[in-house]
Amino acid sequence: WLAANNIRSINNVVDIANLVMLESGQPLHIFDYDTLPEKKIAVRQAHQGEKITALNGQELVLNPEDTIISSGGKVISLAGIIGGQATALTLNTKNILIECASFNPTIIKKTAKRLNISTAASIFFSRRANLFLSPQQVLSQTISLIADTCQDDLDSKTIFYYQKKRKIPLVVNISHEFIIKKVGQSLTQQTIENIWQQLKFPYQKEENNYHITIPLSRPDITIPEDLLEELLRIYDYNKVIGSLSTI
């Protein structure tokens, strides 16, 4: 199944994490716990010029737009995209830390594009949608499957940290002028409004501005550029590809 999805087999633990990702849509990353610079991790934005040697051997130079996992002040993973060599699993690994997280899909997509990295995790995060399993369920399933492959007893502990789910829909404003400028050609207001309706995005129109209410099921849409991308997806990129401005 991994090979059919262009995912290389690594070892039993990583393979299980990848299988769970394919089944649930939830990416995971596994660290060698004993190699962490400090026995705790933090999620933060990278400092300008920070570096990490990724699992694929690339040395990546980061900037504050990139979300990273750090330990002891050092970057150990590019969040939602790829881990670092320094904390990778080896034949000598005895203790592991499993990360089951939710990251901003817009940031993941932009970082992956800028660094020219495409991984299964980055693709899943970039296309983020509501999952049918909670992170707790995904983590429990992963631990259970790993335990089934171990000959000795497995001792595990889980820690959950999360913000309360947004219950009030986000409203993103986008103007007709912004759309025309980015597309590089004219789209009628009727065409644009028809697309909002196809997407089932409730909206209010005020002069040439659209106030779009983002469904709770679309946490990947947070800024006007995200709305523009959805609009063009429905309109058909091929109709504007020759004159599309930089988003």
Protein backbone atom coordinates (compact mmCIF):
# COMPACT_ATOMS: atom_id res chain seq x y z
CA TRP A 1 0.00 0.00 0.00
CA LEU A 2 2.86 2.38 0.80
CA ALA A 3 4.51 1.69 -2.55
CA ALA A 4 1.21 2.26 -4.35
CA ASN A 5 1.15 5.74 -2.80
CA ASN A 6 4.80 6.47 -3.66
CA ILE A 7 5.92 6.19 -0.02
CA ARG A 8 9.18 4.35 0.61
CA SER A 9 9.30 1.69 3.32
CA ILE A 10 11.66 2.76 6.14
CA ASN A 11 11.12 0.55 9.19
CA ASN A 12 8.19 -0.94 11.09
CA VAL A 13 7.57 2.16 13.22
CA VAL A 14 7.74 4.76 10.44
CA ASP A 15 5.80 2.46 8.10
CA ILE A 16 3.00 2.17 10.66
CA ALA A 17 2.85 5.96 11.01
CA ASN A 18 2.59 6.31 7.23
CA LEU A 19 -0.11 3.64 6.98
CA VAL A 20 -2.14 5.39 9.68
CA MET A 21 -1.72 8.65 7.77
CA LEU A 22 -3.06 7.08 4.58
CA GLU A 23 -6.04 5.62 6.45
CA SER A 24 -6.93 8.65 8.56
CA GLY A 25 -5.57 11.63 6.63
CA GLN A 26 -3.59 12.67 9.72
CA PRO A 27 0.20 12.98 9.21
CA LEU A 28 2.48 11.92 12.05
CA HIS A 29 6.18 12.32 12.71
CA ILE A 30 8.32 10.14 14.96
CA PHE A 31 11.46 11.33 16.74
CA ASP A 32 14.17 9.32 18.45
CA TYR A 33 13.41 10.64 21.93
CA ASP A 34 16.90 9.99 23.28
CA THR A 35 18.46 12.26 20.63
CA LEU A 36 16.41 15.34 21.53
CA PRO A 37 18.67 18.17 22.75
CA GLU A 38 16.19 18.74 25.59
CA LYS A 39 13.46 16.40 26.79
CA LYS A 40 10.71 18.72 25.67
CA ILE A 41 9.69 20.29 22.38
CA ALA A 42 8.18 23.58 21.27
CA VAL A 43 6.30 24.72 18.18
CA ARG A 44 7.36 28.16 16.96
CA GLN A 45 8.26 30.23 13.92
CA ALA A 46 11.83 29.89 12.69
CA HIS A 47 14.41 32.59 13.24
CA GLN A 48 15.89 34.21 10.15
CA GLY A 49 18.70 32.03 8.82
CA GLU A 50 18.09 29.03 11.08
CA LYS A 51 19.06 25.76 9.42
CA ILE A 52 18.08 22.11 9.53
CA THR A 53 19.49 19.10 7.74
CA ALA A 54 16.37 17.30 6.59
CA LEU A 55 15.81 13.55 6.40
CA ASN A 56 16.46 13.69 2.65
CA GLY A 57 19.91 15.21 3.24
CA GLN A 58 19.00 18.74 2.17
CA GLU A 59 20.27 21.63 4.28
CA LEU A 60 17.34 24.01 4.55
CA VAL A 61 17.71 27.70 5.38
CA LEU A 62 14.60 28.97 7.14
CA ASN A 63 12.88 32.28 7.77
CA PRO A 64 10.19 33.56 10.18
CA GLU A 65 7.39 32.45 7.84
CA ASP A 66 8.28 28.80 8.50
CA THR A 67 6.78 26.83 11.39
CA ILE A 68 9.26 24.51 13.09
CA ILE A 69 9.55 22.06 15.98
CA SER A 70 12.44 22.90 18.29
CA SER A 71 14.14 21.28 21.25
CA GLY A 72 16.78 22.94 23.36
CA GLY A 73 16.69 25.91 21.01
CA LYS A 74 17.55 23.76 17.98
CA VAL A 75 15.35 23.03 14.97
CA ILE A 76 14.49 19.32 14.91
CA SER A 77 11.69 19.31 12.33
CA LEU A 78 10.11 21.49 9.66
CA ALA A 79 6.53 21.29 10.93
CA GLY A 80 4.15 19.35 8.73
CA ILE A 81 6.74 18.80 6.01
CA ILE A 82 9.88 16.86 6.94
CA GLY A 83 11.90 15.86 9.98
CA GLY A 84 15.59 16.33 10.66
CA GLN A 85 18.41 13.81 10.41
CA ALA A 86 19.61 14.53 13.94
CA THR A 87 16.51 13.00 15.55
CA ALA A 88 15.73 10.30 12.98
CA LEU A 89 15.06 6.71 14.03
CA THR A 90 17.96 4.25 13.72
CA LEU A 91 18.59 0.59 14.51
CA ASN A 92 19.71 1.75 17.96
CA THR A 93 16.50 3.66 18.77
CA LYS A 94 14.93 2.59 22.06
CA ASN A 95 12.53 5.42 22.94
CA ILE A 96 10.36 7.39 20.55
CA LEU A 97 8.26 10.54 20.57
CA ILE A 98 5.23 10.52 18.27
CA GLU A 99 3.98 13.89 17.03
CA CYS A 100 0.32 14.02 15.98
CA ALA A 101 -0.36 17.68 15.31
CA SER A 102 -2.44 20.17 13.37
CA PHE A 103 -0.62 22.96 11.53
CA ASN A 104 -1.77 25.94 9.48
CA PRO A 105 -2.20 24.54 5.94
CA THR A 106 -1.48 27.90 4.28
CA ILE A 107 1.90 28.17 6.02
CA ILE A 108 2.76 24.55 5.20
CA LYS A 109 1.90 25.07 1.54
CA LYS A 110 3.95 28.28 1.24
CA THR A 111 6.99 26.83 3.02
CA ALA A 112 6.94 23.63 0.95
CA LYS A 113 6.69 25.65 -2.26
CA ARG A 114 9.47 28.07 -1.32
CA LEU A 115 11.86 25.29 -0.30
CA ASN A 116 10.77 23.08 -3.21
CA ILE A 117 9.92 20.14 -0.94
CA SER A 118 6.97 17.84 -1.50
CA THR A 119 6.31 15.08 1.01
CA ALA A 120 3.25 12.99 1.77
CA ALA A 121 2.83 14.93 5.02
CA SER A 122 3.01 18.34 3.33
CA ILE A 123 0.43 17.27 0.73
CA PHE A 124 -1.99 16.02 3.40
CA PHE A 125 -1.56 19.16 5.52
CA SER A 126 -1.89 21.51 2.51
CA ARG A 127 -5.22 19.92 1.59
CA ARG A 128 -6.42 19.96 5.18
CA ALA A 129 -10.06 19.08 5.76
CA ASN A 130 -12.08 17.77 8.67
CA LEU A 131 -10.77 14.38 9.81
CA PHE A 132 -13.07 11.50 10.68
CA LEU A 133 -10.71 10.48 13.52
CA SER A 134 -9.57 12.82 16.27
CA PRO A 135 -5.81 13.23 16.94
CA GLN A 136 -6.31 11.23 20.15
CA GLN A 137 -7.84 8.34 18.19
CA VAL A 138 -5.08 8.47 15.57
CA LEU A 139 -2.39 8.45 18.25
CA SER A 140 -4.03 5.57 20.13
CA GLN A 141 -4.28 3.54 16.94
CA THR A 142 -0.63 4.20 16.10
CA ILE A 143 0.58 3.20 19.56
CA SER A 144 -1.54 0.03 19.44
CA LEU A 145 -0.13 -1.02 16.07
CA ILE A 146 3.45 -0.34 17.16
CA ALA A 147 2.86 -2.37 20.33
CA ASP A 148 1.66 -5.29 18.22
CA THR A 149 5.04 -5.39 16.45
CA CYS A 150 7.09 -5.33 19.66
CA GLN A 151 8.21 -8.54 21.31
CA ASP A 152 8.74 -6.87 24.69
CA ASP A 153 6.28 -4.91 26.81
CA LEU A 154 5.70 -1.36 25.61
CA ASP A 155 5.41 1.52 28.05
CA SER A 156 3.69 4.61 26.66
CA LYS A 157 2.39 7.98 27.82
CA THR A 158 0.39 10.56 25.90
CA ILE A 159 0.24 14.34 26.26
CA PHE A 160 -2.39 16.49 24.55
CA TYR A 161 -2.12 20.23 24.03
CA TYR A 162 -4.66 22.05 21.90
CA GLN A 163 -6.69 25.20 21.50
CA LYS A 164 -10.46 25.08 21.63
CA LYS A 165 -12.00 24.60 18.22
CA ARG A 166 -13.22 27.74 16.51
CA LYS A 167 -17.01 27.82 16.83
CA ILE A 168 -17.63 31.24 15.27
CA PRO A 169 -17.11 31.17 11.49
CA LEU A 170 -14.30 33.35 10.18
CA VAL A 171 -15.23 36.16 7.78
CA VAL A 172 -12.65 36.96 5.10
CA ASN A 173 -13.00 40.10 2.99
CA ILE A 174 -12.00 40.15 -0.66
CA SER A 175 -12.64 42.92 -3.18
CA HIS A 176 -13.59 42.68 -6.84
CA GLU A 177 -10.61 44.90 -7.62
CA PHE A 178 -8.24 42.51 -5.80
CA ILE A 179 -9.56 39.56 -7.81
CA ILE A 180 -9.23 41.34 -11.17
CA LYS A 181 -5.72 42.58 -10.33
CA LYS A 182 -4.49 39.11 -9.36
CA VAL A 183 -6.21 37.27 -12.20
CA GLY A 184 -5.05 39.78 -14.79
CA GLN A 185 -8.31 39.77 -16.70
CA SER A 186 -11.92 40.74 -16.18
CA LEU A 187 -14.38 38.50 -14.36
CA THR A 188 -17.95 39.67 -14.04
CA GLN A 189 -19.48 40.05 -10.62
CA GLN A 190 -22.13 37.53 -11.61
CA THR A 191 -19.44 34.95 -12.42
CA ILE A 192 -17.74 35.52 -9.08
CA GLU A 193 -20.99 35.32 -7.13
CA ASN A 194 -21.97 32.11 -8.91
CA ILE A 195 -18.68 30.56 -7.80
CA TRP A 196 -19.21 31.58 -4.16
CA GLN A 197 -22.58 29.84 -4.39
CA GLN A 198 -21.04 26.70 -5.95
CA LEU A 199 -18.52 26.60 -3.11
CA LYS A 200 -21.39 27.05 -0.63
CA PHE A 201 -19.61 30.07 0.85
CA PRO A 202 -22.21 32.44 2.33
CA TYR A 203 -21.36 36.03 1.47
CA GLN A 204 -22.51 39.60 1.82
CA LYS A 205 -21.77 42.14 -0.87
CA GLU A 206 -20.97 45.74 0.00
CA GLU A 207 -20.29 47.84 -3.10
CA ASN A 208 -17.34 46.01 -4.73
CA ASN A 209 -16.37 44.02 -1.63
CA TYR A 210 -17.34 40.47 -0.69
CA HIS A 211 -17.54 39.47 2.96
CA ILE A 212 -17.21 35.68 2.80
CA THR A 213 -18.24 33.52 5.76
CA ILE A 214 -15.83 30.59 5.85
CA PRO A 215 -17.44 27.23 6.77
CA LEU A 216 -15.99 25.60 9.89
CA SER A 217 -15.14 22.60 7.71
CA ARG A 218 -12.62 24.72 5.76
CA PRO A 219 -9.94 25.74 8.29
CA ASP A 220 -7.47 26.00 5.39
CA ILE A 221 -9.06 29.26 4.22
CA THR A 222 -7.97 32.24 6.31
CA ILE A 223 -6.86 35.01 3.91
CA PRO A 224 -8.01 36.58 0.60
CA GLU A 225 -5.38 34.62 -1.33
CA ASP A 226 -6.96 31.36 -0.14
CA LEU A 227 -10.35 32.53 -1.42
CA LEU A 228 -8.81 33.52 -4.75
CA GLU A 229 -7.27 30.06 -5.10
CA GLU A 230 -10.67 28.43 -4.51
CA LEU A 231 -12.35 30.81 -6.94
CA LEU A 232 -9.84 30.02 -9.70
CA ARG A 233 -10.09 26.30 -9.03
CA ILE A 234 -13.80 26.44 -9.85
CA TYR A 235 -13.45 28.97 -12.66
CA ASP A 236 -10.66 26.83 -14.26
CA TYR A 237 -7.02 27.87 -14.15
CA ASN A 238 -6.65 27.06 -17.85
CA LYS A 239 -8.83 30.03 -18.71
CA VAL A 240 -6.46 32.50 -17.07
CA ILE A 241 -3.10 30.72 -16.93
CA GLY A 242 -1.60 32.94 -19.61
CA SER A 243 -2.20 36.14 -17.69
CA LEU A 244 -2.38 35.06 -14.05
CA SER A 245 -0.55 37.49 -11.76
CA THR A 246 1.55 36.38 -8.79
CA ILE A 247 -0.57 35.56 -5.76
